[in-house]
Protein backbone atom coordinates (compact mmCIF):
# COMPACT_ATOMS: atom_id res chain seq x y z
CA UNK A 1 0.00 0.00 0.00
CA UNK A 2 1.34 3.41 -0.96
CA UNK A 3 1.83 5.75 1.98
CA UNK A 4 -0.01 9.06 1.78
CA UNK A 5 1.76 12.21 2.93
CA UNK A 6 -0.98 13.66 5.13
CA UNK A 7 0.93 16.93 5.56
CA UNK A 8 0.69 17.44 1.79
CA UNK A 9 -3.02 16.64 1.90
CA UNK A 10 -3.41 19.22 4.68
CA UNK A 11 -1.70 21.86 2.52
CA UNK A 12 -4.05 21.09 -0.37
CA UNK A 13 -7.12 21.76 1.81
CA UNK A 14 -5.56 24.34 4.13
CA UNK A 15 -7.91 27.20 3.22
CA UNK A 16 -10.97 25.17 4.22
CA UNK A 17 -9.35 23.39 7.18
CA UNK A 18 -8.11 26.56 8.88
CA UNK A 19 -11.73 27.68 9.32
CA UNK A 20 -12.74 24.49 11.18
CA UNK A 21 -13.81 24.82 14.85
CA UNK A 22 -16.23 21.87 15.14
CA UNK A 23 -15.50 18.28 14.15
CA UNK A 24 -18.37 15.78 13.85
CA UNK A 25 -18.21 12.12 12.91
CA UNK A 26 -20.73 9.46 12.01
CA UNK A 27 -20.08 6.30 14.05
CA UNK A 28 -20.83 3.13 12.09
CA UNK A 29 -18.38 2.71 9.20
CA UNK A 30 -16.34 5.76 10.26
CA UNK A 31 -15.34 5.23 13.89
CA UNK A 32 -16.02 1.47 13.56
CA UNK A 33 -15.59 -1.20 10.92
CA UNK A 34 -19.34 -1.08 10.35
CA UNK A 35 -20.11 -4.38 12.05
CA UNK A 36 -22.58 -4.63 14.93
CA UNK A 37 -23.65 -7.47 17.19
CA UNK A 38 -26.37 -7.86 19.76
CA UNK A 39 -25.22 -8.05 23.41
CA UNK A 40 -28.56 -8.51 25.09
CA UNK A 41 -31.14 -6.10 26.38
CA UNK A 42 -28.78 -4.11 28.63
CA UNK A 43 -26.16 -3.12 26.03
CA UNK A 44 -28.20 -3.83 22.86
CA UNK A 45 -26.17 -3.39 19.64
CA UNK A 46 -22.41 -3.11 20.07
CA UNK A 47 -19.55 -1.96 17.87
CA UNK A 48 -15.74 -2.18 17.88
CA UNK A 49 -14.01 1.19 17.99
CA UNK A 50 -10.32 1.94 17.58
CA UNK A 51 -8.09 3.44 20.27
CA UNK A 52 -6.16 5.50 17.69
CA UNK A 53 -9.39 7.15 16.58
CA UNK A 54 -10.34 7.67 20.23
CA UNK A 55 -6.99 9.27 21.09
CA UNK A 56 -7.33 11.45 18.00
CA UNK A 57 -10.73 12.69 19.21
CA UNK A 58 -9.20 13.49 22.62
CA UNK A 59 -6.33 15.34 20.92
CA UNK A 60 -8.73 17.51 18.96
CA UNK A 61 -10.54 18.44 22.18
CA UNK A 62 -7.23 19.34 23.83
CA UNK A 63 -6.44 21.61 20.86
CA UNK A 64 -9.69 23.52 21.44
CA UNK A 65 -11.95 22.00 18.80
CA UNK A 66 -15.55 21.12 19.68
CA UNK A 67 -15.75 17.37 18.94
CA UNK A 68 -18.62 14.92 18.74
CA UNK A 69 -20.63 12.31 16.92
CA UNK A 70 -23.89 12.36 14.98
CA UNK A 71 -25.12 8.82 14.46
CA UNK A 72 -28.31 7.06 13.52
CA UNK A 73 -27.31 4.21 15.84
CA UNK A 74 -29.15 4.00 19.13
CA UNK A 75 -27.47 1.91 21.81
CA UNK A 76 -25.94 2.17 25.23
CA UNK A 77 -22.53 1.32 23.78
CA UNK A 78 -22.53 4.57 21.76
CA UNK A 79 -23.27 6.62 24.89
CA UNK A 80 -20.73 4.77 27.01
CA UNK A 81 -17.87 5.08 24.49
CA UNK A 82 -18.38 8.61 23.23
CA UNK A 83 -20.10 10.46 26.07
CA UNK A 84 -18.86 8.72 29.22
CA UNK A 85 -15.44 7.34 28.18
CA UNK A 86 -14.19 9.93 25.68
CA UNK A 87 -16.32 12.79 27.10
CA UNK A 88 -17.02 14.28 23.68
CA UNK A 89 -18.66 17.70 23.53
CA UNK A 90 -21.79 16.36 21.81
CA UNK A 91 -23.32 12.95 21.14
CA UNK A 92 -26.38 13.00 18.90
CA UNK A 93 -27.73 9.51 18.34
CA UNK A 94 -30.75 7.47 17.38
CA UNK A 95 -31.99 9.37 14.33
CA UNK A 96 -30.94 8.69 10.74
CA UNK A 97 -32.24 12.15 9.79
CA UNK A 98 -29.21 14.00 11.11
CA UNK A 99 -30.16 17.46 9.84
CA UNK A 100 -31.68 18.61 13.15
CA UNK A 101 -28.51 17.66 15.04
CA UNK A 102 -26.45 19.67 12.57
CA UNK A 103 -28.83 22.62 12.92
CA UNK A 104 -28.33 22.47 16.71
CA UNK A 105 -24.60 23.03 16.14
CA UNK A 106 -25.39 26.01 13.92
CA UNK A 107 -27.76 27.37 16.60
CA UNK A 108 -24.80 27.43 19.00
CA UNK A 109 -23.26 30.13 16.84
CA UNK A 110 -21.07 28.10 14.50
CA UNK A 111 -21.03 28.77 10.77
CA UNK A 112 -21.26 25.98 8.21
CA UNK A 113 -17.70 26.59 7.02
CA UNK A 114 -16.48 26.05 10.61
CA UNK A 115 -17.76 22.45 10.72
CA UNK A 116 -15.95 19.35 9.48
CA UNK A 117 -18.21 16.33 8.99
CA UNK A 118 -17.20 12.77 8.14
CA UNK A 119 -19.84 10.23 7.13
CA UNK A 120 -20.30 7.29 4.80
CA UNK A 121 -23.99 6.81 4.08
CA UNK A 122 -26.69 8.47 1.98
CA UNK A 123 -28.25 10.14 5.03
CA UNK A 124 -24.86 11.79 5.73
CA UNK A 125 -24.92 13.66 2.40
CA UNK A 126 -26.93 16.69 3.64
CA UNK A 127 -24.39 17.26 6.44
CA UNK A 128 -21.45 16.72 4.11
CA UNK A 129 -22.88 19.26 1.66
CA UNK A 130 -23.52 21.80 4.44
CA UNK A 131 -20.07 21.48 6.05
CA UNK A 132 -16.98 23.54 5.45
CA UNK A 133 -15.01 20.32 4.92
CA UNK A 134 -16.34 16.80 4.39
CA UNK A 135 -14.71 13.42 4.29
CA UNK A 136 -15.74 9.83 3.68
CA UNK A 137 -14.24 6.38 3.23
CA UNK A 138 -13.53 4.40 0.05
CA UNK A 139 -16.23 1.89 0.99
CA UNK A 140 -18.96 4.52 0.79
CA UNK A 141 -21.32 4.53 -2.20
CA UNK A 142 -20.21 6.48 -5.25
CA UNK A 143 -22.80 9.21 -4.61
CA UNK A 144 -21.42 9.77 -1.10
CA UNK A 145 -17.80 9.83 -2.32
CA UNK A 146 -18.76 12.38 -4.99
CA UNK A 147 -19.95 14.80 -2.26
CA UNK A 148 -16.78 14.53 -0.15
CA UNK A 149 -13.85 16.92 -0.18
CA UNK A 150 -11.60 14.05 0.85
CA UNK A 151 -11.75 10.24 0.66
CA UNK A 152 -9.54 8.43 3.15
CA UNK A 153 -7.12 5.68 2.21
CA UNK A 154 -9.04 3.10 4.28
CA UNK A 155 -12.57 2.33 5.39
CA UNK A 156 -13.63 2.26 9.02
CA UNK A 157 -11.08 1.69 11.76
CA UNK A 158 -8.34 4.34 11.47
CA UNK A 159 -10.08 6.44 8.82
CA UNK A 160 -11.17 9.09 11.34
CA UNK A 161 -7.60 9.38 12.63
CA UNK A 162 -6.43 10.04 9.08
CA UNK A 163 -8.80 13.01 8.85
CA UNK A 164 -7.91 14.14 12.38
CA UNK A 165 -4.22 14.15 11.46
CA UNK A 166 -4.89 16.14 8.29
CA UNK A 167 -6.80 18.72 10.33
CA UNK A 168 -4.11 19.00 13.00
CA UNK A 169 -1.37 19.34 10.37
CA UNK A 170 -3.29 22.20 8.77
CA UNK A 171 -3.54 23.89 12.18
CA UNK A 172 0.09 23.12 13.09
CA UNK A 173 -0.91 21.07 16.18
CA UNK A 174 0.88 18.19 17.86
CA UNK A 175 0.27 16.79 21.34
CA UNK A 176 2.61 17.83 24.14
CA UNK A 177 4.79 14.79 24.78
CA UNK A 178 7.67 14.87 27.28
CA UNK A 179 10.71 12.60 27.35
CA UNK A 180 11.80 10.75 30.50
CA UNK A 181 13.66 13.85 31.73
CA UNK A 182 10.57 16.02 31.34
CA UNK A 183 11.74 17.83 28.22
CA UNK A 184 9.21 18.57 25.50
CA UNK A 185 9.66 16.29 22.51
CA UNK A 186 10.03 18.31 19.30
CA UNK A 187 8.32 17.11 16.16
C-alpha cells in the first residue's frame, strides 16, 4: 500500500481546514468497521471502535476543537464510548435524519464553514454538503464519495484518525509529549 503524505493533503485543503472549529463524525463505518452485534437487552447493539481514533478525538478536544458524533445508531454502547469514556462535547444519536442535530450546532453560533463532517452513508450527504469540509471512506457509495472533499485511504477503523491528522497538520498542532527527563519532545 502506498503511503499518503498527510501533511501534503493538509496543505491542499488548508484554506478550508483553517476555518474548522467543530469536528463531527458518524459512528458506524467511520469510527467502527461497520459491524454490529447484539449483546442482550442491557447493552443492545455493540460496535468495535479503535483506540487511535479515540486518542485522536481526545487530541482535537485538547487543541480547542468542539468534537462529537452524529449517528443514527441508538445503543448504550454509543453513549458509554463517546459520552462517558471519551467525554465528547456532543453525542447526537438514534436518528438517521441528522439534519436537526447539525442545525443544533449552527444554533450554538457556528457557521457551516467552521464544521468538518465525516460520514459514509446516503443520510450523511446533507451534512457533508452543508459542512466547510467533508470526508468519507472508500467503501462509501459512489454518490457519497462524490460529495466529499476528501476520501480516506481506508474504510472504518483508522479512517477518522487520518482526517484528524490532516486537520491538526493544517492547524500546526501536535500533542505535548515529554521525554523521560521532562523535556518537551520536538516534532
